Amino acid sequence: ALSNDDKYPAILQRLLGDEYEVRNYGL
């Protein structure tokens, strides 16, 4: 229901920065 930028993994990525890579494996 949300755009990719508004999903929690994407928000977590922005909060943590470039030293982390966050991927969404939700189904």
PDB file of all heavy atoms in Angstrom:
ATOM      1  N   ALA A   1       0.814  -1.215   0.000  1.00  0.00           N
ATOM      2  CA  ALA A   1       0.000   0.000   0.000  1.00  0.00           C
ATOM      3  C   ALA A   1       0.849   1.267   0.000  1.00  0.00           C
ATOM      4  O   ALA A   1       0.343   2.364  -0.274  1.00  0.00           O
ATOM      5  CB  ALA A   1      -0.938   0.007   1.208  1.00  0.00           C
ATOM      6  N   LEU A   2       2.136   1.128   0.299  1.00  0.00           N
ATOM      7  CA  LEU A   2       3.015   2.289   0.386  1.00  0.00           C
ATOM      8  C   LEU A   2       4.022   2.299  -0.757  1.00  0.00           C
ATOM      9  O   LEU A   2       4.331   1.266  -1.347  1.00  0.00           O
ATOM     10  CB  LEU A   2       3.784   2.264   1.715  1.00  0.00           C
ATOM     11  CG  LEU A   2       2.963   2.369   3.002  1.00  0.00           C
ATOM     12  CD1 LEU A   2       3.891   2.231   4.209  1.00  0.00           C
ATOM     13  CD2 LEU A   2       2.205   3.684   3.066  1.00  0.00           C
ATOM     14  N   SER A   3       4.537   3.484  -1.032  1.00  0.00           N
ATOM     15  CA  SER A   3       5.633   3.579  -1.998  1.00  0.00           C
ATOM     16  C   SER A   3       6.883   2.974  -1.362  1.00  0.00           C
ATOM     17  O   SER A   3       6.979   2.862  -0.134  1.00  0.00           O
ATOM     18  CB  SER A   3       5.897   5.041  -2.360  1.00  0.00           C
ATOM     19  OG  SER A   3       6.385   5.748  -1.230  1.00  0.00           O
ATOM     20  N   ASN A   4       7.845   2.601  -2.181  1.00  0.00           N
ATOM     21  CA  ASN A   4       9.056   1.973  -1.650  1.00  0.00           C
ATOM     22  C   ASN A   4       9.761   2.851  -0.624  1.00  0.00           C
ATOM     23  O   ASN A   4      10.292   2.360   0.374  1.00  0.00           O
ATOM     24  CB  ASN A   4      10.013   1.645  -2.802  1.00  0.00           C
ATOM     25  CG  ASN A   4       9.534   0.470  -3.631  1.00  0.00           C
ATOM     26  OD1 ASN A   4       8.822  -0.405  -3.134  1.00  0.00           O
ATOM     27  ND2 ASN A   4       9.918   0.440  -4.897  1.00  0.00           N
ATOM     28  N   ASP A   5       9.755   4.152  -0.839  1.00  0.00           N
ATOM     29  CA  ASP A   5      10.439   5.072   0.074  1.00  0.00           C
ATOM     30  C   ASP A   5       9.762   5.172   1.435  1.00  0.00           C
ATOM     31  O   ASP A   5      10.395   5.595   2.411  1.00  0.00           O
ATOM     32  CB  ASP A   5      10.525   6.470  -0.543  1.00  0.00           C
ATOM     33  CG  ASP A   5      11.522   6.535  -1.686  1.00  0.00           C
ATOM     34  OD1 ASP A   5      12.376   5.628  -1.771  1.00  0.00           O
ATOM     35  OD2 ASP A   5      11.450   7.480  -2.487  1.00  0.00           O
ATOM     36  N   ASP A   6       8.479   4.810   1.511  1.00  0.00           N
ATOM     37  CA  ASP A   6       7.737   4.942   2.762  1.00  0.00           C
ATOM     38  C   ASP A   6       7.663   3.647   3.558  1.00  0.00           C
ATOM     39  O   ASP A   6       7.098   3.620   4.653  1.00  0.00           O
ATOM     40  CB  ASP A   6       6.304   5.433   2.477  1.00  0.00           C
ATOM     41  CG  ASP A   6       6.283   6.873   2.001  1.00  0.00           C
ATOM     42  OD1 ASP A   6       7.173   7.642   2.406  1.00  0.00           O
ATOM     43  OD2 ASP A   6       5.381   7.232   1.212  1.00  0.00           O
ATOM     44  N   LYS A   7       8.204   2.580   3.036  1.00  0.00           N
ATOM     45  CA  LYS A   7       8.194   1.310   3.757  1.00  0.00           C
ATOM     46  C   LYS A   7       9.273   1.316   4.832  1.00  0.00           C
ATOM     47  O   LYS A   7      10.310   1.960   4.670  1.00  0.00           O
ATOM     48  CB  LYS A   7       8.404   0.158   2.773  1.00  0.00           C
ATOM     49  CG  LYS A   7       7.294   0.055   1.738  1.00  0.00           C
ATOM     50  CD  LYS A   7       7.568  -1.032   0.717  1.00  0.00           C
ATOM     51  CE  LYS A   7       6.464  -1.070  -0.335  1.00  0.00           C
ATOM     52  NZ  LYS A   7       6.654  -2.146  -1.330  1.00  0.00           N
ATOM     53  N   TYR A   8       9.036   0.573   5.912  1.00  0.00           N
ATOM     54  CA  TYR A   8       9.951   0.700   7.048  1.00  0.00           C
ATOM     55  C   TYR A   8      11.406   0.305   6.737  1.00  0.00           C
ATOM     56  O   TYR A   8      12.334   0.942   7.260  1.00  0.00           O
ATOM     57  CB  TYR A   8       9.398  -0.028   8.284  1.00  0.00           C
ATOM     58  CG  TYR A   8       9.966  -1.394   8.576  1.00  0.00           C
ATOM     59  CD1 TYR A   8      11.246  -1.547   9.098  1.00  0.00           C
ATOM     60  CD2 TYR A   8       9.208  -2.555   8.381  1.00  0.00           C
ATOM     61  CE1 TYR A   8      11.771  -2.801   9.383  1.00  0.00           C
ATOM     62  CE2 TYR A   8       9.717  -3.807   8.669  1.00  0.00           C
ATOM     63  CZ  TYR A   8      11.007  -3.928   9.170  1.00  0.00           C
ATOM     64  OH  TYR A   8      11.508  -5.167   9.447  1.00  0.00           O
ATOM     65  N   PRO A   9      11.668  -0.711   5.890  1.00  0.00           N
ATOM     66  CA  PRO A   9      13.076  -0.981   5.578  1.00  0.00           C
ATOM     67  C   PRO A   9      13.778   0.198   4.900  1.00  0.00           C
ATOM     68  O   PRO A   9      14.956   0.464   5.159  1.00  0.00           O
ATOM     69  CB  PRO A   9      12.992  -2.200   4.650  1.00  0.00           C
ATOM     70  CG  PRO A   9      11.724  -2.887   5.039  1.00  0.00           C
ATOM     71  CD  PRO A   9      10.781  -1.748   5.327  1.00  0.00           C
ATOM     72  N   ALA A  10      13.053   0.919   4.027  1.00  0.00           N
ATOM     73  CA  ALA A  10      13.634   2.078   3.362  1.00  0.00           C
ATOM     74  C   ALA A  10      13.888   3.209   4.356  1.00  0.00           C
ATOM     75  O   ALA A  10      14.906   3.914   4.279  1.00  0.00           O
ATOM     76  CB  ALA A  10      12.712   2.557   2.242  1.00  0.00           C
ATOM     77  N   ILE A  11      12.974   3.385   5.292  1.00  0.00           N
ATOM     78  CA  ILE A  11      13.163   4.407   6.338  1.00  0.00           C
ATOM     79  C   ILE A  11      14.359   4.044   7.215  1.00  0.00           C
ATOM     80  O   ILE A  11      15.176   4.898   7.564  1.00  0.00           O
ATOM     81  CB  ILE A  11      11.882   4.542   7.186  1.00  0.00           C
ATOM     82  CG1 ILE A  11      10.731   5.059   6.323  1.00  0.00           C
ATOM     83  CG2 ILE A  11      12.123   5.461   8.382  1.00  0.00           C
ATOM     84  CD1 ILE A  11       9.387   5.050   7.018  1.00  0.00           C
ATOM     85  N   LEU A  12      14.468   2.760   7.548  1.00  0.00           N
ATOM     86  CA  LEU A  12      15.596   2.288   8.346  1.00  0.00           C
ATOM     87  C   LEU A  12      16.909   2.539   7.611  1.00  0.00           C
ATOM     88  O   LEU A  12      17.904   2.946   8.226  1.00  0.00           O
ATOM     89  CB  LEU A  12      15.422   0.797   8.641  1.00  0.00           C
ATOM     90  CG  LEU A  12      16.471   0.139   9.542  1.00  0.00           C
ATOM     91  CD1 LEU A  12      16.506   0.808  10.914  1.00  0.00           C
ATOM     92  CD2 LEU A  12      16.178  -1.350   9.687  1.00  0.00           C
ATOM     93  N   GLN A  13      16.914   2.321   6.307  1.00  0.00           N
ATOM     94  CA  GLN A  13      18.112   2.580   5.503  1.00  0.00           C
ATOM     95  C   GLN A  13      18.537   4.047   5.603  1.00  0.00           C
ATOM     96  O   GLN A  13      19.719   4.352   5.801  1.00  0.00           O
ATOM     97  CB  GLN A  13      17.847   2.216   4.044  1.00  0.00           C
ATOM     98  CG  GLN A  13      18.986   2.525   3.087  1.00  0.00           C
ATOM     99  CD  GLN A  13      20.178   1.616   3.297  1.00  0.00           C
ATOM    100  OE1 GLN A  13      20.176   0.470   2.893  1.00  0.00           O
ATOM    101  NE2 GLN A  13      21.213   2.133   3.947  1.00  0.00           N
ATOM    102  N   ARG A  14      17.587   4.940   5.499  1.00  0.00           N
ATOM    103  CA  ARG A  14      17.905   6.378   5.571  1.00  0.00           C
ATOM    104  C   ARG A  14      18.429   6.754   6.955  1.00  0.00           C
ATOM    105  O   ARG A  14      19.339   7.587   7.083  1.00  0.00           O
ATOM    106  CB  ARG A  14      16.674   7.217   5.223  1.00  0.00           C
ATOM    107  CG  ARG A  14      16.243   7.094   3.766  1.00  0.00           C
ATOM    108  CD  ARG A  14      15.297   8.209   3.371  1.00  0.00           C
ATOM    109  NE  ARG A  14      14.021   8.151   4.079  1.00  0.00           N
ATOM    110  CZ  ARG A  14      12.970   7.441   3.679  1.00  0.00           C
ATOM    111  NH1 ARG A  14      13.044   6.705   2.574  1.00  0.00           N
ATOM    112  NH2 ARG A  14      11.837   7.468   4.363  1.00  0.00           N
ATOM    113  N   LEU A  15      17.883   6.159   7.987  1.00  0.00           N
ATOM    114  CA  LEU A  15      18.308   6.469   9.349  1.00  0.00           C
ATOM    115  C   LEU A  15      19.717   5.955   9.638  1.00  0.00           C
ATOM    116  O   LEU A  15      20.497   6.616  10.334  1.00  0.00           O
ATOM    117  CB  LEU A  15      17.326   5.864  10.361  1.00  0.00           C
ATOM    118  CG  LEU A  15      15.929   6.491  10.427  1.00  0.00           C
ATOM    119  CD1 LEU A  15      15.019   5.667  11.325  1.00  0.00           C
ATOM    120  CD2 LEU A  15      15.994   7.931  10.934  1.00  0.00           C
ATOM    121  N   LEU A  16      20.058   4.802   9.080  1.00  0.00           N
ATOM    122  CA  LEU A  16      21.346   4.181   9.387  1.00  0.00           C
ATOM    123  C   LEU A  16      22.477   4.702   8.509  1.00  0.00           C
ATOM    124  O   LEU A  16      23.643   4.715   8.922  1.00  0.00           O
ATOM    125  CB  LEU A  16      21.235   2.659   9.241  1.00  0.00           C
ATOM    126  CG  LEU A  16      20.336   1.960  10.261  1.00  0.00           C
ATOM    127  CD1 LEU A  16      20.223   0.475   9.936  1.00  0.00           C
ATOM    128  CD2 LEU A  16      20.874   2.152  11.672  1.00  0.00           C
ATOM    129  N   GLY A  17      22.174   5.080   7.276  1.00  0.00           N
ATOM    130  CA  GLY A  17      23.199   5.634   6.406  1.00  0.00           C
ATOM    131  C   GLY A  17      23.913   4.599   5.555  1.00  0.00           C
ATOM    132  O   GLY A  17      23.552   3.417   5.515  1.00  0.00           O
ATOM    133  N   ASP A  18      24.985   5.061   4.897  1.00  0.00           N
ATOM    134  CA  ASP A  18      25.664   4.267   3.867  1.00  0.00           C
ATOM    135  C   ASP A  18      26.474   3.102   4.404  1.00  0.00           C
ATOM    136  O   ASP A  18      26.898   2.235   3.629  1.00  0.00           O
ATOM    137  CB  ASP A  18      26.585   5.169   3.043  1.00  0.00           C
ATOM    138  CG  ASP A  18      25.811   6.203   2.232  1.00  0.00           C
ATOM    139  OD1 ASP A  18      24.616   5.956   1.978  1.00  0.00           O
ATOM    140  OD2 ASP A  18      26.397   7.237   1.875  1.00  0.00           O
ATOM    141  N   GLU A  19      26.740   3.072   5.699  1.00  0.00           N
ATOM    142  CA  GLU A  19      27.514   1.959   6.251  1.00  0.00           C
ATOM    143  C   GLU A  19      26.665   0.692   6.375  1.00  0.00           C
ATOM    144  O   GLU A  19      27.181  -0.375   6.726  1.00  0.00           O
ATOM    145  CB  GLU A  19      28.109   2.333   7.604  1.00  0.00           C
ATOM    146  CG  GLU A  19      29.169   3.426   7.516  1.00  0.00           C
ATOM    147  CD  GLU A  19      29.804   3.723   8.853  1.00  0.00           C
ATOM    148  OE1 GLU A  19      29.425   3.058   9.838  1.00  0.00           O
ATOM    149  OE2 GLU A  19      30.664   4.614   8.911  1.00  0.00           O
ATOM    150  N   TYR A  20      25.379   0.819   6.103  1.00  0.00           N
ATOM    151  CA  TYR A  20      24.462  -0.317   6.176  1.00  0.00           C
ATOM    152  C   TYR A  20      23.740  -0.482   4.843  1.00  0.00           C
ATOM    153  O   TYR A  20      23.501   0.492   4.130  1.00  0.00           O
ATOM    154  CB  TYR A  20      23.422  -0.100   7.276  1.00  0.00           C
ATOM    155  CG  TYR A  20      24.006  -0.063   8.668  1.00  0.00           C
ATOM    156  CD1 TYR A  20      24.578   1.102   9.176  1.00  0.00           C
ATOM    157  CD2 TYR A  20      23.978  -1.187   9.487  1.00  0.00           C
ATOM    158  CE1 TYR A  20      25.118   1.147  10.448  1.00  0.00           C
ATOM    159  CE2 TYR A  20      24.511  -1.151  10.766  1.00  0.00           C
ATOM    160  CZ  TYR A  20      25.081   0.009  11.246  1.00  0.00           C
ATOM    161  OH  TYR A  20      25.615   0.050  12.501  1.00  0.00           O
ATOM    162  N   GLU A  21      23.381  -1.715   4.543  1.00  0.00           N
ATOM    163  CA  GLU A  21      22.512  -1.994   3.402  1.00  0.00           C
ATOM    164  C   GLU A  21      21.299  -2.752   3.925  1.00  0.00           C
ATOM    165  O   GLU A  21      21.438  -3.860   4.457  1.00  0.00           O
ATOM    166  CB  GLU A  21      23.225  -2.822   2.338  1.00  0.00           C
ATOM    167  CG  GLU A  21      22.336  -3.085   1.134  1.00  0.00           C
ATOM    168  CD  GLU A  21      23.014  -3.890   0.030  1.00  0.00           C
ATOM    169  OE1 GLU A  21      24.200  -4.240   0.197  1.00  0.00           O
ATOM    170  OE2 GLU A  21      22.352  -4.169  -0.992  1.00  0.00           O
ATOM    171  N   VAL A  22      20.133  -2.143   3.787  1.00  0.00           N
ATOM    172  CA  VAL A  22      18.894  -2.735   4.285  1.00  0.00           C
ATOM    173  C   VAL A  22      18.063  -3.221   3.108  1.00  0.00           C
ATOM    174  O   VAL A  22      17.816  -2.467   2.161  1.00  0.00           O
ATOM    175  CB  VAL A  22      18.074  -1.710   5.107  1.00  0.00           C
ATOM    176  CG1 VAL A  22      16.839  -2.381   5.705  1.00  0.00           C
ATOM    177  CG2 VAL A  22      18.932  -1.097   6.208  1.00  0.00           C
ATOM    178  N   ARG A  23      17.621  -4.464   3.169  1.00  0.00           N
ATOM    179  CA  ARG A  23      16.796  -5.018   2.098  1.00  0.00           C
ATOM    180  C   ARG A  23      15.455  -5.505   2.643  1.00  0.00           C
ATOM    181  O   ARG A  23      15.381  -6.035   3.754  1.00  0.00           O
ATOM    182  CB  ARG A  23      17.507  -6.173   1.389  1.00  0.00           C
ATOM    183  CG  ARG A  23      18.718  -5.735   0.581  1.00  0.00           C
ATOM    184  CD  ARG A  23      19.245  -6.883  -0.265  1.00  0.00           C
ATOM    185  NE  ARG A  23      20.447  -6.501  -1.000  1.00  0.00           N
ATOM    186  CZ  ARG A  23      21.090  -7.312  -1.828  1.00  0.00           C
ATOM    187  NH1 ARG A  23      20.643  -8.562  -2.029  1.00  0.00           N
ATOM    188  NH2 ARG A  23      22.175  -6.906  -2.458  1.00  0.00           N
ATOM    189  N   ASN A  24      14.429  -5.320   1.834  1.00  0.00           N
ATOM    190  CA  ASN A  24      13.071  -5.702   2.197  1.00  0.00           C
ATOM    191  C   ASN A  24      12.780  -7.097   1.647  1.00  0.00           C
ATOM    192  O   ASN A  24      12.678  -7.294   0.437  1.00  0.00           O
ATOM    193  CB  ASN A  24      12.077  -4.681   1.635  1.00  0.00           C
ATOM    194  CG  ASN A  24      10.666  -4.903   2.148  1.00  0.00           C
ATOM    195  OD1 ASN A  24      10.284  -6.003   2.527  1.00  0.00           O
ATOM    196  ND2 ASN A  24       9.871  -3.842   2.151  1.00  0.00           N
ATOM    197  N   TYR A  25      12.612  -8.044   2.547  1.00  0.00           N
ATOM    198  CA  TYR A  25      12.271  -9.417   2.159  1.00  0.00           C
ATOM    199  C   TYR A  25      10.872  -9.791   2.652  1.00  0.00           C
ATOM    200  O   TYR A  25      10.607 -10.943   2.980  1.00  0.00           O
ATOM    201  CB  TYR A  25      13.308 -10.404   2.713  1.00  0.00           C
ATOM    202  CG  TYR A  25      14.630 -10.363   1.988  1.00  0.00           C
ATOM    203  CD1 TYR A  25      15.698  -9.613   2.484  1.00  0.00           C
ATOM    204  CD2 TYR A  25      14.827 -11.064   0.808  1.00  0.00           C
ATOM    205  CE1 TYR A  25      16.918  -9.569   1.819  1.00  0.00           C
ATOM    206  CE2 TYR A  25      16.036 -11.024   0.135  1.00  0.00           C
ATOM    207  CZ  TYR A  25      17.081 -10.284   0.647  1.00  0.00           C
ATOM    208  OH  TYR A  25      18.281 -10.231  -0.020  1.00  0.00           O
ATOM    209  N   GLY A  26       9.987  -8.811   2.686  1.00  0.00           N
ATOM    210  CA  GLY A  26       8.626  -9.072   3.129  1.00  0.00           C
ATOM    211  C   GLY A  26       7.770  -9.706   2.044  1.00  0.00           C
ATOM    212  O   GLY A  26       7.938  -9.425   0.859  1.00  0.00           O
ATOM    213  N   LEU A  27       6.832 -10.549   2.473  1.00  0.00           N
ATOM    214  CA  LEU A  27       5.861 -11.174   1.573  1.00  0.00           C
ATOM    215  C   LEU A  27       4.503 -11.206   2.269  1.00  0.00           C
ATOM    216  O   LEU A  27       4.371 -11.799   3.341  1.00  0.00           O
ATOM    217  CB  LEU A  27       6.279 -12.604   1.203  1.00  0.00           C
ATOM    218  CG  LEU A  27       7.291 -12.783   0.079  1.00  0.00           C
ATOM    219  CD1 LEU A  27       7.653 -14.255  -0.049  1.00  0.00           C
ATOM    220  CD2 LEU A  27       6.731 -12.261  -1.231  1.00  0.00           C
TER     221      LEU A  27
END
